[in-house]
Amino acid sequence: ALPVVGYESGDDLETAVRYGFEPVGPL
């Protein structure tokens, strides 16, 4: 029942997006 969050950058961010994540803001 819980959304999943985390943070990534570069190639790892692109990979996470392929697995259903969306970027929501910078850090």
PDB file of all heavy atoms in Angstrom:
ATOM      1  N   ALA A   1       0.804  -1.221   0.000  1.00  0.00           N
ATOM      2  CA  ALA A   1       0.000   0.000   0.000  1.00  0.00           C
ATOM      3  C   ALA A   1       0.838   1.273   0.000  1.00  0.00           C
ATOM      4  O   ALA A   1       0.277   2.377  -0.014  1.00  0.00           O
ATOM      5  CB  ALA A   1      -0.938   0.014   1.206  1.00  0.00           C
ATOM      6  N   LEU A   2       2.164   1.147   0.004  1.00  0.00           N
ATOM      7  CA  LEU A   2       3.014   2.333   0.138  1.00  0.00           C
ATOM      8  C   LEU A   2       3.733   2.666  -1.172  1.00  0.00           C
ATOM      9  O   LEU A   2       4.325   1.779  -1.795  1.00  0.00           O
ATOM     10  CB  LEU A   2       4.062   2.123   1.230  1.00  0.00           C
ATOM     11  CG  LEU A   2       3.552   2.081   2.671  1.00  0.00           C
ATOM     12  CD1 LEU A   2       4.720   1.820   3.621  1.00  0.00           C
ATOM     13  CD2 LEU A   2       2.854   3.387   3.044  1.00  0.00           C
ATOM     14  N   PRO A   3       3.713   3.933  -1.575  1.00  0.00           N
ATOM     15  CA  PRO A   3       4.569   4.360  -2.684  1.00  0.00           C
ATOM     16  C   PRO A   3       6.036   4.195  -2.296  1.00  0.00           C
ATOM     17  O   PRO A   3       6.389   4.238  -1.116  1.00  0.00           O
ATOM     18  CB  PRO A   3       4.218   5.838  -2.863  1.00  0.00           C
ATOM     19  CG  PRO A   3       2.961   6.058  -2.099  1.00  0.00           C
ATOM     20  CD  PRO A   3       2.931   5.040  -1.009  1.00  0.00           C
ATOM     21  N   VAL A   4       6.879   4.023  -3.306  1.00  0.00           N
ATOM     22  CA  VAL A   4       8.312   3.864  -3.090  1.00  0.00           C
ATOM     23  C   VAL A   4       9.018   5.154  -3.494  1.00  0.00           C
ATOM     24  O   VAL A   4       8.729   5.724  -4.551  1.00  0.00           O
ATOM     25  CB  VAL A   4       8.871   2.686  -3.912  1.00  0.00           C
ATOM     26  CG1 VAL A   4      10.366   2.501  -3.637  1.00  0.00           C
ATOM     27  CG2 VAL A   4       8.110   1.395  -3.598  1.00  0.00           C
ATOM     28  N   VAL A   5       9.933   5.621  -2.648  1.00  0.00           N
ATOM     29  CA  VAL A   5      10.718   6.817  -2.943  1.00  0.00           C
ATOM     30  C   VAL A   5      12.198   6.515  -2.744  1.00  0.00           C
ATOM     31  O   VAL A   5      12.573   5.516  -2.131  1.00  0.00           O
ATOM     32  CB  VAL A   5      10.302   8.016  -2.065  1.00  0.00           C
ATOM     33  CG1 VAL A   5       8.873   8.433  -2.353  1.00  0.00           C
ATOM     34  CG2 VAL A   5      10.480   7.701  -0.580  1.00  0.00           C
ATOM     35  N   GLY A   6      13.016   7.397  -3.263  1.00  0.00           N
ATOM     36  CA  GLY A   6      14.463   7.291  -3.111  1.00  0.00           C
ATOM     37  C   GLY A   6      15.093   8.435  -3.873  1.00  0.00           C
ATOM     38  O   GLY A   6      14.433   9.426  -4.174  1.00  0.00           O
ATOM     39  N   TYR A   7      16.375   8.303  -4.207  1.00  0.00           N
ATOM     40  CA  TYR A   7      16.990   9.297  -5.083  1.00  0.00           C
ATOM     41  C   TYR A   7      18.062   8.640  -5.926  1.00  0.00           C
ATOM     42  O   TYR A   7      18.694   7.659  -5.512  1.00  0.00           O
ATOM     43  CB  TYR A   7      17.530  10.506  -4.311  1.00  0.00           C
ATOM     44  CG  TYR A   7      18.747  10.257  -3.450  1.00  0.00           C
ATOM     45  CD1 TYR A   7      20.037  10.353  -3.973  1.00  0.00           C
ATOM     46  CD2 TYR A   7      18.617   9.959  -2.097  1.00  0.00           C
ATOM     47  CE1 TYR A   7      21.158  10.149  -3.192  1.00  0.00           C
ATOM     48  CE2 TYR A   7      19.730   9.750  -1.296  1.00  0.00           C
ATOM     49  CZ  TYR A   7      21.000   9.853  -1.851  1.00  0.00           C
ATOM     50  OH  TYR A   7      22.109   9.639  -1.069  1.00  0.00           O
ATOM     51  N   GLU A   8      18.248   9.154  -7.129  1.00  0.00           N
ATOM     52  CA  GLU A   8      19.256   8.647  -8.051  1.00  0.00           C
ATOM     53  C   GLU A   8      19.742   9.789  -8.924  1.00  0.00           C
ATOM     54  O   GLU A   8      19.115  10.864  -8.983  1.00  0.00           O
ATOM     55  CB  GLU A   8      18.687   7.535  -8.951  1.00  0.00           C
ATOM     56  CG  GLU A   8      18.219   6.277  -8.235  1.00  0.00           C
ATOM     57  CD  GLU A   8      19.339   5.432  -7.660  1.00  0.00           C
ATOM     58  OE1 GLU A   8      20.527   5.780  -7.867  1.00  0.00           O
ATOM     59  OE2 GLU A   8      19.036   4.427  -6.998  1.00  0.00           O
ATOM     60  N   SER A   9      20.838   9.547  -9.641  1.00  0.00           N
ATOM     61  CA  SER A   9      21.374  10.526 -10.579  1.00  0.00           C
ATOM     62  C   SER A   9      22.008   9.795 -11.750  1.00  0.00           C
ATOM     63  O   SER A   9      22.274   8.587 -11.690  1.00  0.00           O
ATOM     64  CB  SER A   9      22.413  11.428  -9.898  1.00  0.00           C
ATOM     65  OG  SER A   9      23.530  10.661  -9.460  1.00  0.00           O
ATOM     66  N   GLY A  10      22.251  10.520 -12.830  1.00  0.00           N
ATOM     67  CA  GLY A  10      22.965   9.978 -13.982  1.00  0.00           C
ATOM     68  C   GLY A  10      22.321   8.736 -14.564  1.00  0.00           C
ATOM     69  O   GLY A  10      21.101   8.635 -14.689  1.00  0.00           O
ATOM     70  N   ASP A  11      23.173   7.771 -14.922  1.00  0.00           N
ATOM     71  CA  ASP A  11      22.684   6.537 -15.527  1.00  0.00           C
ATOM     72  C   ASP A  11      21.751   5.775 -14.590  1.00  0.00           C
ATOM     73  O   ASP A  11      20.789   5.134 -15.045  1.00  0.00           O
ATOM     74  CB  ASP A  11      23.855   5.632 -15.923  1.00  0.00           C
ATOM     75  CG  ASP A  11      24.673   6.196 -17.075  1.00  0.00           C
ATOM     76  OD1 ASP A  11      24.190   7.119 -17.768  1.00  0.00           O
ATOM     77  OD2 ASP A  11      25.813   5.727 -17.273  1.00  0.00           O
ATOM     78  N   ASP A  12      22.016   5.838 -13.277  1.00  0.00           N
ATOM     79  CA  ASP A  12      21.156   5.133 -12.320  1.00  0.00           C
ATOM     80  C   ASP A  12      19.758   5.734 -12.297  1.00  0.00           C
ATOM     81  O   ASP A  12      18.773   5.020 -12.089  1.00  0.00           O
ATOM     82  CB  ASP A  12      21.775   5.160 -10.926  1.00  0.00           C
ATOM     83  CG  ASP A  12      23.012   4.291 -10.820  1.00  0.00           C
ATOM     84  OD1 ASP A  12      23.190   3.395 -11.678  1.00  0.00           O
ATOM     85  OD2 ASP A  12      23.808   4.500  -9.888  1.00  0.00           O
ATOM     86  N   LEU A  13      19.650   7.044 -12.506  1.00  0.00           N
ATOM     87  CA  LEU A  13      18.333   7.682 -12.594  1.00  0.00           C
ATOM     88  C   LEU A  13      17.596   7.196 -13.839  1.00  0.00           C
ATOM     89  O   LEU A  13      16.403   6.871 -13.779  1.00  0.00           O
ATOM     90  CB  LEU A  13      18.496   9.201 -12.619  1.00  0.00           C
ATOM     91  CG  LEU A  13      17.219  10.011 -12.820  1.00  0.00           C
ATOM     92  CD1 LEU A  13      16.208   9.731 -11.713  1.00  0.00           C
ATOM     93  CD2 LEU A  13      17.543  11.503 -12.888  1.00  0.00           C
ATOM     94  N   GLU A  14      18.287   7.122 -14.960  1.00  0.00           N
ATOM     95  CA  GLU A  14      17.657   6.634 -16.190  1.00  0.00           C
ATOM     96  C   GLU A  14      17.161   5.201 -16.012  1.00  0.00           C
ATOM     97  O   GLU A  14      16.071   4.846 -16.484  1.00  0.00           O
ATOM     98  CB  GLU A  14      18.646   6.711 -17.343  1.00  0.00           C
ATOM     99  CG  GLU A  14      19.021   8.133 -17.744  1.00  0.00           C
ATOM    100  CD  GLU A  14      19.982   8.169 -18.912  1.00  0.00           C
ATOM    101  OE1 GLU A  14      20.215   7.105 -19.536  1.00  0.00           O
ATOM    102  OE2 GLU A  14      20.501   9.257 -19.214  1.00  0.00           O
ATOM    103  N   THR A  15      17.940   4.390 -15.319  1.00  0.00           N
ATOM    104  CA  THR A  15      17.520   3.013 -15.079  1.00  0.00           C
ATOM    105  C   THR A  15      16.284   2.972 -14.198  1.00  0.00           C
ATOM    106  O   THR A  15      15.338   2.223 -14.465  1.00  0.00           O
ATOM    107  CB  THR A  15      18.656   2.206 -14.431  1.00  0.00           C
ATOM    108  OG1 THR A  15      19.811   2.259 -15.266  1.00  0.00           O
ATOM    109  CG2 THR A  15      18.251   0.754 -14.237  1.00  0.00           C
ATOM    110  N   ALA A  16      16.260   3.761 -13.130  1.00  0.00           N
ATOM    111  CA  ALA A  16      15.107   3.779 -12.236  1.00  0.00           C
ATOM    112  C   ALA A  16      13.843   4.190 -12.989  1.00  0.00           C
ATOM    113  O   ALA A  16      12.758   3.634 -12.760  1.00  0.00           O
ATOM    114  CB  ALA A  16      15.363   4.718 -11.061  1.00  0.00           C
ATOM    115  N   VAL A  17      13.957   5.161 -13.891  1.00  0.00           N
ATOM    116  CA  VAL A  17      12.800   5.590 -14.682  1.00  0.00           C
ATOM    117  C   VAL A  17      12.280   4.433 -15.530  1.00  0.00           C
ATOM    118  O   VAL A  17      11.058   4.250 -15.672  1.00  0.00           O
ATOM    119  CB  VAL A  17      13.175   6.813 -15.547  1.00  0.00           C
ATOM    120  CG1 VAL A  17      12.085   7.106 -16.583  1.00  0.00           C
ATOM    121  CG2 VAL A  17      13.396   8.034 -14.659  1.00  0.00           C
ATOM    122  N   ARG A  18      13.176   3.617 -16.056  1.00  0.00           N
ATOM    123  CA  ARG A  18      12.734   2.453 -16.841  1.00  0.00           C
ATOM    124  C   ARG A  18      11.939   1.473 -15.993  1.00  0.00           C
ATOM    125  O   ARG A  18      11.121   0.716 -16.517  1.00  0.00           O
ATOM    126  CB  ARG A  18      13.939   1.733 -17.455  1.00  0.00           C
ATOM    127  CG  ARG A  18      14.637   2.492 -18.559  1.00  0.00           C
ATOM    128  CD  ARG A  18      15.419   1.548 -19.464  1.00  0.00           C
ATOM    129  NE  ARG A  18      16.381   0.730 -18.764  1.00  0.00           N
ATOM    130  CZ  ARG A  18      17.629   1.091 -18.493  1.00  0.00           C
ATOM    131  NH1 ARG A  18      18.050   2.297 -18.865  1.00  0.00           N
ATOM    132  NH2 ARG A  18      18.462   0.287 -17.855  1.00  0.00           N
ATOM    133  N   TYR A  19      12.166   1.486 -14.691  1.00  0.00           N
ATOM    134  CA  TYR A  19      11.464   0.567 -13.803  1.00  0.00           C
ATOM    135  C   TYR A  19      10.287   1.223 -13.076  1.00  0.00           C
ATOM    136  O   TYR A  19       9.860   0.759 -12.035  1.00  0.00           O
ATOM    137  CB  TYR A  19      12.452  -0.067 -12.819  1.00  0.00           C
ATOM    138  CG  TYR A  19      13.317  -1.101 -13.502  1.00  0.00           C
ATOM    139  CD1 TYR A  19      14.583  -0.770 -13.963  1.00  0.00           C
ATOM    140  CD2 TYR A  19      12.836  -2.385 -13.748  1.00  0.00           C
ATOM    141  CE1 TYR A  19      15.364  -1.697 -14.636  1.00  0.00           C
ATOM    142  CE2 TYR A  19      13.612  -3.324 -14.413  1.00  0.00           C
ATOM    143  CZ  TYR A  19      14.872  -2.968 -14.855  1.00  0.00           C
ATOM    144  OH  TYR A  19      15.638  -3.886 -15.525  1.00  0.00           O
ATOM    145  N   GLY A  20       9.766   2.285 -13.668  1.00  0.00           N
ATOM    146  CA  GLY A  20       8.508   2.835 -13.191  1.00  0.00           C
ATOM    147  C   GLY A  20       8.594   4.014 -12.248  1.00  0.00           C
ATOM    148  O   GLY A  20       7.564   4.485 -11.751  1.00  0.00           O
ATOM    149  N   PHE A  21       9.804   4.517 -11.993  1.00  0.00           N
ATOM    150  CA  PHE A  21       9.955   5.695 -11.144  1.00  0.00           C
ATOM    151  C   PHE A  21       9.818   6.963 -11.979  1.00  0.00           C
ATOM    152  O   PHE A  21      10.067   6.963 -13.182  1.00  0.00           O
ATOM    153  CB  PHE A  21      11.313   5.703 -10.455  1.00  0.00           C
ATOM    154  CG  PHE A  21      11.456   4.714  -9.336  1.00  0.00           C
ATOM    155  CD1 PHE A  21      11.962   3.445  -9.575  1.00  0.00           C
ATOM    156  CD2 PHE A  21      11.082   5.048  -8.041  1.00  0.00           C
ATOM    157  CE1 PHE A  21      12.106   2.525  -8.543  1.00  0.00           C
ATOM    158  CE2 PHE A  21      11.224   4.141  -7.002  1.00  0.00           C
ATOM    159  CZ  PHE A  21      11.725   2.878  -7.255  1.00  0.00           C
ATOM    160  N   GLU A  22       9.461   8.044 -11.317  1.00  0.00           N
ATOM    161  CA  GLU A  22       9.460   9.364 -11.941  1.00  0.00           C
ATOM    162  C   GLU A  22      10.243  10.322 -11.060  1.00  0.00           C
ATOM    163  O   GLU A  22      10.165  10.252  -9.825  1.00  0.00           O
ATOM    164  CB  GLU A  22       8.035   9.879 -12.122  1.00  0.00           C
ATOM    165  CG  GLU A  22       7.266  10.031 -10.816  1.00  0.00           C
ATOM    166  CD  GLU A  22       5.919  10.698 -11.009  1.00  0.00           C
ATOM    167  OE1 GLU A  22       5.692  11.287 -12.071  1.00  0.00           O
ATOM    168  OE2 GLU A  22       5.096  10.637 -10.059  1.00  0.00           O
ATOM    169  N   PRO A  23      11.024  11.227 -11.659  1.00  0.00           N
ATOM    170  CA  PRO A  23      11.694  12.263 -10.868  1.00  0.00           C
ATOM    171  C   PRO A  23      10.659  13.259 -10.353  1.00  0.00           C
ATOM    172  O   PRO A  23       9.754  13.657 -11.095  1.00  0.00           O
ATOM    173  CB  PRO A  23      12.642  12.926 -11.870  1.00  0.00           C
ATOM    174  CG  PRO A  23      12.723  11.983 -13.039  1.00  0.00           C
ATOM    175  CD  PRO A  23      11.415  11.282 -13.076  1.00  0.00           C
ATOM    176  N   VAL A  24      10.793  13.667  -9.089  1.00  0.00           N
ATOM    177  CA  VAL A  24       9.810  14.591  -8.514  1.00  0.00           C
ATOM    178  C   VAL A  24      10.434  15.862  -7.956  1.00  0.00           C
ATOM    179  O   VAL A  24       9.709  16.785  -7.578  1.00  0.00           O
ATOM    180  CB  VAL A  24       8.954  13.909  -7.428  1.00  0.00           C
ATOM    181  CG1 VAL A  24       8.046  12.860  -8.052  1.00  0.00           C
ATOM    182  CG2 VAL A  24       9.815  13.303  -6.329  1.00  0.00           C
ATOM    183  N   GLY A  25      11.751  15.951  -7.898  1.00  0.00           N
ATOM    184  CA  GLY A  25      12.371  17.171  -7.394  1.00  0.00           C
ATOM    185  C   GLY A  25      13.849  16.969  -7.126  1.00  0.00           C
ATOM    186  O   GLY A  25      14.298  15.846  -6.875  1.00  0.00           O
ATOM    187  N   PRO A  26      14.629  18.052  -7.155  1.00  0.00           N
ATOM    188  CA  PRO A  26      16.076  17.946  -6.988  1.00  0.00           C
ATOM    189  C   PRO A  26      16.522  17.948  -5.534  1.00  0.00           C
ATOM    190  O   PRO A  26      15.827  18.449  -4.646  1.00  0.00           O
ATOM    191  CB  PRO A  26      16.583  19.202  -7.694  1.00  0.00           C
ATOM    192  CG  PRO A  26      15.499  20.216  -7.440  1.00  0.00           C
ATOM    193  CD  PRO A  26      14.207  19.435  -7.481  1.00  0.00           C
ATOM    194  N   LEU A  27      17.690  17.378  -5.312  1.00  0.00           N
ATOM    195  CA  LEU A  27      18.387  17.497  -4.035  1.00  0.00           C
ATOM    196  C   LEU A  27      19.860  17.746  -4.323  1.00  0.00           C
ATOM    197  O   LEU A  27      20.328  17.538  -5.444  1.00  0.00           O
ATOM    198  CB  LEU A  27      18.222  16.256  -3.168  1.00  0.00           C
ATOM    199  CG  LEU A  27      18.902  14.980  -3.660  1.00  0.00           C
ATOM    200  CD1 LEU A  27      19.729  14.342  -2.566  1.00  0.00           C
ATOM    201  CD2 LEU A  27      17.866  13.992  -4.171  1.00  0.00           C
TER     202      LEU A  27
END
